[in-house]
Amino acid sequence: MIDHAAAREAMVARQIEARGIINPALSAALREVPREAFIPDSLAAFAYDDSPLPIEAGQTISQPYIVALMIDSAGVMASGRALEIGAGSGYAAAVMSRIADRVIAIERHAELARLAAARMARLGYHNVRIVHGDGSAGWPDEAPYDAILAAASGSHVPDALKAQLAIGGALVMPIGAAHVVQSLVKVVRVGEEAFEQEDLGAVRFVPLIGAEGWKG
């Protein structure tokens, strides 16, 4: 029988904190959220491996370190409002929900959106809303957001997402074509029309499909 609580503790210590992400609120959230609940039952034994895993609809759940890096870099915080593009199984949104006041997560695959919403309800994460739709356009109804994360790569940061970012807020997303090494970038809105960008390193993500992304 797998001790998932012990595996979560080891994941935080070895994969997150040992790599330099020292964020008490994030570590607590990662210890709380059961990653095994966000993957197929057949893969539960691998829930805390240092790697991405396949999920429904031919998609993947990101490596725990990448999830942590994006949340930490975006500055998800208590009393804040966060937007996620590409909810997938809902794991990253669940982790953010243990930190932020409100999380909106958009997923273009109807099956994934339905499953993610069911997981949030079952786990009692009531401050998360899962939306089925085109994430490249964001979700202006609840903007501005203090943090925006995109778990899919575009050729550029969509103007719609930049417009929905609060001044002082940060957006983290991969930039680059599909099936190649991409750059994870952090964009901070420093003024009404002013943004600063930082490269966080190499990653691989599925493409961002939508009106302001790649064509599906």
C-alpha atoms as a PDB file:
ATOM      1  CA  MET A   1       0.000   0.000   0.000  1.00  0.00           C
ATOM      2  CA  ILE A   2       1.449   3.360  -1.040  1.00  0.00           C
ATOM      3  CA  ASP A   3       1.740   6.027   1.643  1.00  0.00           C
ATOM      4  CA  HIS A   4       0.770   9.014  -0.493  1.00  0.00           C
ATOM      5  CA  ALA A   5       1.175  11.503   2.367  1.00  0.00           C
ATOM      6  CA  ALA A   6       4.790  10.419   2.846  1.00  0.00           C
ATOM      7  CA  ALA A   7       5.331  10.538  -0.925  1.00  0.00           C
ATOM      8  CA  ARG A   8       3.995  14.104  -1.026  1.00  0.00           C
ATOM      9  CA  GLU A   9       6.345  15.129   1.777  1.00  0.00           C
ATOM     10  CA  ALA A  10       9.305  13.586  -0.033  1.00  0.00           C
ATOM     11  CA  MET A  11       8.289  15.263  -3.301  1.00  0.00           C
ATOM     12  CA  VAL A  12       8.243  18.701  -1.689  1.00  0.00           C
ATOM     13  CA  ALA A  13      11.577  18.170   0.037  1.00  0.00           C
ATOM     14  CA  ARG A  14      13.490  16.563  -2.846  1.00  0.00           C
ATOM     15  CA  GLN A  15      11.895  17.943  -6.005  1.00  0.00           C
ATOM     16  CA  ILE A  16      10.833  21.421  -4.922  1.00  0.00           C
ATOM     17  CA  GLU A  17      12.724  22.811  -1.930  1.00  0.00           C
ATOM     18  CA  ALA A  18      16.007  21.081  -2.789  1.00  0.00           C
ATOM     19  CA  ARG A  19      15.880  22.836  -6.174  1.00  0.00           C
ATOM     20  CA  GLY A  20      15.625  26.241  -4.550  1.00  0.00           C
ATOM     21  CA  ILE A  21      11.893  26.954  -4.447  1.00  0.00           C
ATOM     22  CA  ILE A  22      11.455  28.053  -0.843  1.00  0.00           C
ATOM     23  CA  ASN A  23       7.885  29.274  -0.528  1.00  0.00           C
ATOM     24  CA  PRO A  24       6.093  28.147   2.666  1.00  0.00           C
ATOM     25  CA  ALA A  25       2.580  28.730   1.323  1.00  0.00           C
ATOM     26  CA  LEU A  26       3.331  26.810  -1.877  1.00  0.00           C
ATOM     27  CA  SER A  27       5.019  23.942  -0.004  1.00  0.00           C
ATOM     28  CA  ALA A  28       1.989  23.663   2.284  1.00  0.00           C
ATOM     29  CA  ALA A  29      -0.346  23.593  -0.722  1.00  0.00           C
ATOM     30  CA  LEU A  30       1.707  20.876  -2.441  1.00  0.00           C
ATOM     31  CA  ARG A  31       1.638  18.813   0.752  1.00  0.00           C
ATOM     32  CA  GLU A  32      -2.142  19.166   0.952  1.00  0.00           C
ATOM     33  CA  VAL A  33      -3.284  18.469  -2.617  1.00  0.00           C
ATOM     34  CA  PRO A  34      -3.383  14.735  -3.515  1.00  0.00           C
ATOM     35  CA  ARG A  35      -1.772  14.511  -6.965  1.00  0.00           C
ATOM     36  CA  GLU A  36      -2.947  10.892  -7.201  1.00  0.00           C
ATOM     37  CA  ALA A  37      -6.541  12.228  -7.419  1.00  0.00           C
ATOM     38  CA  PHE A  38      -5.671  14.094 -10.642  1.00  0.00           C
ATOM     39  CA  ILE A  39      -4.340  11.188 -12.705  1.00  0.00           C
ATOM     40  CA  PRO A  40      -5.842   7.889 -13.900  1.00  0.00           C
ATOM     41  CA  ASP A  41      -6.104   5.270 -11.141  1.00  0.00           C
ATOM     42  CA  SER A  42      -3.744   2.987 -13.060  1.00  0.00           C
ATOM     43  CA  LEU A  43      -0.933   5.532 -12.609  1.00  0.00           C
ATOM     44  CA  ALA A  44      -1.461   6.266  -8.895  1.00  0.00           C
ATOM     45  CA  ALA A  45       1.786   4.510  -7.993  1.00  0.00           C
ATOM     46  CA  PHE A  46       3.681   7.105 -10.051  1.00  0.00           C
ATOM     47  CA  ALA A  47       1.828  10.169  -8.729  1.00  0.00           C
ATOM     48  CA  TYR A  48       4.882  11.700  -7.042  1.00  0.00           C
ATOM     49  CA  ASP A  49       7.518  10.794  -9.605  1.00  0.00           C
ATOM     50  CA  ASP A  50       9.688  13.635 -10.888  1.00  0.00           C
ATOM     51  CA  SER A  51       8.060  13.599 -14.319  1.00  0.00           C
ATOM     52  CA  PRO A  52       4.939  14.463 -16.303  1.00  0.00           C
ATOM     53  CA  LEU A  53       2.280  11.762 -16.638  1.00  0.00           C
ATOM     54  CA  PRO A  54      -0.397  11.010 -19.243  1.00  0.00           C
ATOM     55  CA  ILE A  55      -4.005  11.922 -18.467  1.00  0.00           C
ATOM     56  CA  GLU A  56      -7.279  11.742 -20.366  1.00  0.00           C
ATOM     57  CA  ALA A  57      -7.835  13.257 -23.851  1.00  0.00           C
ATOM     58  CA  GLY A  58      -4.250  12.473 -24.846  1.00  0.00           C
ATOM     59  CA  GLN A  59      -2.886  15.238 -22.616  1.00  0.00           C
ATOM     60  CA  THR A  60      -0.386  15.285 -19.724  1.00  0.00           C
ATOM     61  CA  ILE A  61      -0.102  16.517 -16.160  1.00  0.00           C
ATOM     62  CA  SER A  62       3.087  18.526 -15.745  1.00  0.00           C
ATOM     63  CA  GLN A  63       6.088  17.515 -13.660  1.00  0.00           C
ATOM     64  CA  PRO A  64       5.565  18.704 -10.043  1.00  0.00           C
ATOM     65  CA  TYR A  65       8.647  20.928 -10.191  1.00  0.00           C
ATOM     66  CA  ILE A  66       7.358  22.773 -13.260  1.00  0.00           C
ATOM     67  CA  VAL A  67       3.976  23.313 -11.587  1.00  0.00           C
ATOM     68  CA  ALA A  68       5.744  24.704  -8.519  1.00  0.00           C
ATOM     69  CA  LEU A  69       8.117  26.868 -10.585  1.00  0.00           C
ATOM     70  CA  MET A  70       5.257  28.462 -12.507  1.00  0.00           C
ATOM     71  CA  ILE A  71       3.130  29.122  -9.414  1.00  0.00           C
ATOM     72  CA  ASP A  72       6.091  30.552  -7.499  1.00  0.00           C
ATOM     73  CA  SER A  73       7.290  32.683 -10.409  1.00  0.00           C
ATOM     74  CA  ALA A  74       3.804  34.086 -11.015  1.00  0.00           C
ATOM     75  CA  GLY A  75       3.626  35.164  -7.393  1.00  0.00           C
ATOM     76  CA  VAL A  76       0.326  33.443  -6.568  1.00  0.00           C
ATOM     77  CA  MET A  77      -0.572  34.798  -3.153  1.00  0.00           C
ATOM     78  CA  ALA A  78      -3.196  34.868  -0.433  1.00  0.00           C
ATOM     79  CA  SER A  79      -6.026  37.332  -1.151  1.00  0.00           C
ATOM     80  CA  GLY A  80      -5.064  37.179  -4.837  1.00  0.00           C
ATOM     81  CA  ARG A  81      -6.976  36.150  -7.956  1.00  0.00           C
ATOM     82  CA  ALA A  82      -5.350  33.691 -10.389  1.00  0.00           C
ATOM     83  CA  LEU A  83      -6.143  32.552 -13.925  1.00  0.00           C
ATOM     84  CA  GLU A  84      -4.870  29.320 -15.459  1.00  0.00           C
ATOM     85  CA  ILE A  85      -4.898  28.587 -19.178  1.00  0.00           C
ATOM     86  CA  GLY A  86      -4.967  24.857 -19.863  1.00  0.00           C
ATOM     87  CA  ALA A  87      -6.457  23.359 -16.706  1.00  0.00           C
ATOM     88  CA  GLY A  88      -5.772  19.782 -17.769  1.00  0.00           C
ATOM     89  CA  SER A  89      -6.639  17.474 -14.896  1.00  0.00           C
ATOM     90  CA  GLY A  90      -6.978  20.458 -12.545  1.00  0.00           C
ATOM     91  CA  TYR A  91      -3.917  19.772 -10.387  1.00  0.00           C
ATOM     92  CA  ALA A  92      -2.192  23.154 -10.729  1.00  0.00           C
ATOM     93  CA  ALA A  93      -5.487  24.988 -10.187  1.00  0.00           C
ATOM     94  CA  ALA A  94      -6.066  22.914  -7.052  1.00  0.00           C
ATOM     95  CA  VAL A  95      -2.629  23.807  -5.699  1.00  0.00           C
ATOM     96  CA  MET A  96      -3.217  27.497  -6.433  1.00  0.00           C
ATOM     97  CA  SER A  97      -6.604  27.309  -4.714  1.00  0.00           C
ATOM     98  CA  ARG A  98      -4.891  26.452  -1.429  1.00  0.00           C
ATOM     99  CA  ILE A  99      -3.034  29.793  -1.675  1.00  0.00           C
ATOM    100  CA  ALA A 100      -5.175  32.301  -3.608  1.00  0.00           C
ATOM    101  CA  ASP A 101      -8.677  33.542  -2.813  1.00  0.00           C
ATOM    102  CA  ARG A 102     -10.026  32.749  -6.282  1.00  0.00           C
ATOM    103  CA  VAL A 103      -8.863  30.626  -9.221  1.00  0.00           C
ATOM    104  CA  ILE A 104     -10.345  30.473 -12.732  1.00  0.00           C
ATOM    105  CA  ALA A 105      -9.010  27.630 -14.893  1.00  0.00           C
ATOM    106  CA  ILE A 106      -9.903  27.325 -18.585  1.00  0.00           C
ATOM    107  CA  GLU A 107      -9.697  24.046 -20.504  1.00  0.00           C
ATOM    108  CA  ARG A 108     -10.507  23.539 -24.191  1.00  0.00           C
ATOM    109  CA  HIS A 109     -11.105  19.766 -23.919  1.00  0.00           C
ATOM    110  CA  ALA A 110     -14.653  19.220 -22.658  1.00  0.00           C
ATOM    111  CA  GLU A 111     -13.785  15.850 -21.103  1.00  0.00           C
ATOM    112  CA  LEU A 112     -10.916  17.314 -19.096  1.00  0.00           C
ATOM    113  CA  ALA A 113     -12.999  20.297 -17.969  1.00  0.00           C
ATOM    114  CA  ARG A 114     -15.763  17.990 -16.750  1.00  0.00           C
ATOM    115  CA  LEU A 115     -13.374  15.729 -14.872  1.00  0.00           C
ATOM    116  CA  ALA A 116     -11.460  18.638 -13.331  1.00  0.00           C
ATOM    117  CA  ALA A 117     -14.680  20.272 -12.108  1.00  0.00           C
ATOM    118  CA  ALA A 118     -15.786  16.976 -10.559  1.00  0.00           C
ATOM    119  CA  ARG A 119     -12.460  16.633  -8.731  1.00  0.00           C
ATOM    120  CA  MET A 120     -12.721  20.155  -7.298  1.00  0.00           C
ATOM    121  CA  ALA A 121     -16.220  19.426  -6.013  1.00  0.00           C
ATOM    122  CA  ARG A 122     -15.190  16.077  -4.527  1.00  0.00           C
ATOM    123  CA  LEU A 123     -12.162  17.566  -2.762  1.00  0.00           C
ATOM    124  CA  GLY A 124     -14.044  20.626  -1.543  1.00  0.00           C
ATOM    125  CA  TYR A 125     -11.984  23.199  -3.444  1.00  0.00           C
ATOM    126  CA  HIS A 126     -14.905  25.578  -3.851  1.00  0.00           C
ATOM    127  CA  ASN A 127     -12.852  28.674  -4.735  1.00  0.00           C
ATOM    128  CA  VAL A 128     -11.918  27.173  -8.127  1.00  0.00           C
ATOM    129  CA  ARG A 129     -14.040  27.587 -11.233  1.00  0.00           C
ATOM    130  CA  ILE A 130     -13.306  25.317 -14.194  1.00  0.00           C
ATOM    131  CA  VAL A 131     -14.379  26.801 -17.528  1.00  0.00           C
ATOM    132  CA  HIS A 132     -14.649  24.951 -20.845  1.00  0.00           C
ATOM    133  CA  GLY A 133     -13.501  27.300 -23.595  1.00  0.00           C
ATOM    134  CA  ASP A 134     -10.722  29.037 -25.511  1.00  0.00           C
ATOM    135  CA  GLY A 135      -8.020  29.838 -22.975  1.00  0.00           C
ATOM    136  CA  SER A 136      -6.038  32.003 -25.394  1.00  0.00           C
ATOM    137  CA  ALA A 137      -8.689  34.691 -24.914  1.00  0.00           C
ATOM    138  CA  GLY A 138      -8.499  34.492 -21.128  1.00  0.00           C
ATOM    139  CA  TRP A 139     -11.548  35.112 -18.955  1.00  0.00           C
ATOM    140  CA  PRO A 140     -12.270  38.863 -18.862  1.00  0.00           C
ATOM    141  CA  ASP A 141     -15.385  38.482 -16.681  1.00  0.00           C
ATOM    142  CA  GLU A 142     -13.267  38.224 -13.513  1.00  0.00           C
ATOM    143  CA  ALA A 143     -10.212  40.257 -14.570  1.00  0.00           C
ATOM    144  CA  PRO A 144      -7.856  41.707 -13.528  1.00  0.00           C
ATOM    145  CA  TYR A 145      -5.761  38.796 -12.240  1.00  0.00           C
ATOM    146  CA  ASP A 146      -2.784  39.046  -9.920  1.00  0.00           C
ATOM    147  CA  ALA A 147      -1.288  35.939 -11.528  1.00  0.00           C
ATOM    148  CA  ILE A 148      -1.835  34.192 -14.875  1.00  0.00           C
ATOM    149  CA  LEU A 149      -0.344  30.800 -15.770  1.00  0.00           C
ATOM    150  CA  ALA A 150      -0.545  29.198 -19.210  1.00  0.00           C
ATOM    151  CA  ALA A 151       0.196  25.481 -19.434  1.00  0.00           C
ATOM    152  CA  ALA A 152       0.477  25.578 -23.226  1.00  0.00           C
ATOM    153  CA  SER A 153       2.960  27.247 -25.565  1.00  0.00           C
ATOM    154  CA  GLY A 154       2.221  30.082 -27.962  1.00  0.00           C
ATOM    155  CA  SER A 155       4.233  31.992 -30.531  1.00  0.00           C
ATOM    156  CA  HIS A 156       3.793  35.055 -28.284  1.00  0.00           C
ATOM    157  CA  VAL A 157       1.987  36.148 -25.143  1.00  0.00           C
ATOM    158  CA  PRO A 158      -1.615  36.847 -26.228  1.00  0.00           C
ATOM    159  CA  ASP A 159      -2.637  40.495 -25.925  1.00  0.00           C
ATOM    160  CA  ALA A 160      -5.886  39.372 -24.262  1.00  0.00           C
ATOM    161  CA  LEU A 161      -3.958  37.796 -21.388  1.00  0.00           C
ATOM    162  CA  LYS A 162      -1.702  40.819 -20.937  1.00  0.00           C
ATOM    163  CA  ALA A 163      -4.775  43.075 -20.826  1.00  0.00           C
ATOM    164  CA  GLN A 164      -6.299  40.935 -18.054  1.00  0.00           C
ATOM    165  CA  LEU A 165      -3.209  41.118 -15.855  1.00  0.00           C
ATOM    166  CA  ALA A 166      -3.338  43.504 -12.898  1.00  0.00           C
ATOM    167  CA  ILE A 167      -0.638  46.170 -12.687  1.00  0.00           C
ATOM    168  CA  GLY A 168       2.106  44.580 -10.622  1.00  0.00           C
ATOM    169  CA  GLY A 169       0.866  41.108 -11.543  1.00  0.00           C
ATOM    170  CA  ALA A 170       2.851  38.407 -13.334  1.00  0.00           C
ATOM    171  CA  LEU A 171       2.096  36.040 -16.183  1.00  0.00           C
ATOM    172  CA  VAL A 172       4.091  32.841 -16.758  1.00  0.00           C
ATOM    173  CA  MET A 173       3.833  30.808 -19.973  1.00  0.00           C
ATOM    174  CA  PRO A 174       5.993  28.896 -22.463  1.00  0.00           C
ATOM    175  CA  ILE A 175       6.815  30.525 -25.795  1.00  0.00           C
ATOM    176  CA  GLY A 176       7.730  28.446 -28.829  1.00  0.00           C
ATOM    177  CA  ALA A 177       6.379  26.000 -31.374  1.00  0.00           C
ATOM    178  CA  ALA A 178       5.070  22.554 -30.488  1.00  0.00           C
ATOM    179  CA  HIS A 179       7.416  19.557 -30.334  1.00  0.00           C
ATOM    180  CA  VAL A 180      10.530  21.672 -29.757  1.00  0.00           C
ATOM    181  CA  VAL A 181      12.226  23.087 -26.683  1.00  0.00           C
ATOM    182  CA  GLN A 182      10.388  26.241 -25.630  1.00  0.00           C
ATOM    183  CA  SER A 183      11.252  29.127 -23.308  1.00  0.00           C
ATOM    184  CA  LEU A 184       9.287  29.620 -20.121  1.00  0.00           C
ATOM    185  CA  VAL A 185       8.826  33.372 -19.766  1.00  0.00           C
ATOM    186  CA  LYS A 186       7.624  35.618 -16.968  1.00  0.00           C
ATOM    187  CA  VAL A 187       5.896  38.865 -17.927  1.00  0.00           C
ATOM    188  CA  VAL A 188       5.244  41.506 -15.258  1.00  0.00           C
ATOM    189  CA  ARG A 189       2.822  44.354 -15.916  1.00  0.00           C
ATOM    190  CA  VAL A 190       4.612  47.413 -14.564  1.00  0.00           C
ATOM    191  CA  GLY A 191       2.233  50.029 -15.983  1.00  0.00           C
ATOM    192  CA  GLU A 192      -0.927  50.478 -18.016  1.00  0.00           C
ATOM    193  CA  GLU A 193       0.960  49.774 -21.255  1.00  0.00           C
ATOM    194  CA  ALA A 194       4.345  48.676 -19.861  1.00  0.00           C
ATOM    195  CA  PHE A 195       5.576  45.097 -19.398  1.00  0.00           C
ATOM    196  CA  GLU A 196       8.878  43.518 -18.395  1.00  0.00           C
ATOM    197  CA  GLN A 197       9.862  40.022 -19.530  1.00  0.00           C
ATOM    198  CA  GLU A 198      12.254  37.434 -18.056  1.00  0.00           C
ATOM    199  CA  ASP A 199      13.335  34.021 -19.391  1.00  0.00           C
ATOM    200  CA  LEU A 200      12.973  31.262 -16.787  1.00  0.00           C
ATOM    201  CA  GLY A 201      14.524  28.429 -18.797  1.00  0.00           C
ATOM    202  CA  ALA A 202      13.765  25.630 -21.235  1.00  0.00           C
ATOM    203  CA  VAL A 203      10.534  23.596 -21.102  1.00  0.00           C
ATOM    204  CA  ARG A 204       8.270  21.464 -23.292  1.00  0.00           C
ATOM    205  CA  PHE A 205       4.502  22.018 -23.387  1.00  0.00           C
ATOM    206  CA  VAL A 206       1.610  21.217 -25.702  1.00  0.00           C
ATOM    207  CA  PRO A 207       0.618  24.067 -28.070  1.00  0.00           C
ATOM    208  CA  LEU A 208      -1.845  26.789 -27.088  1.00  0.00           C
ATOM    209  CA  ILE A 209      -4.759  26.335 -29.460  1.00  0.00           C
ATOM    210  CA  GLY A 210      -7.256  29.148 -29.962  1.00  0.00           C
ATOM    211  CA  ALA A 211      -8.061  32.540 -31.403  1.00  0.00           C
ATOM    212  CA  GLU A 212      -4.829  34.048 -30.012  1.00  0.00           C
ATOM    213  CA  GLY A 213      -2.795  30.838 -30.227  1.00  0.00           C
ATOM    214  CA  TRP A 214      -1.937  28.205 -32.819  1.00  0.00           C
ATOM    215  CA  LYS A 215      -4.660  26.946 -35.119  1.00  0.00           C
ATOM    216  CA  GLY A 216      -6.091  23.562 -34.099  1.00  0.00           C
END
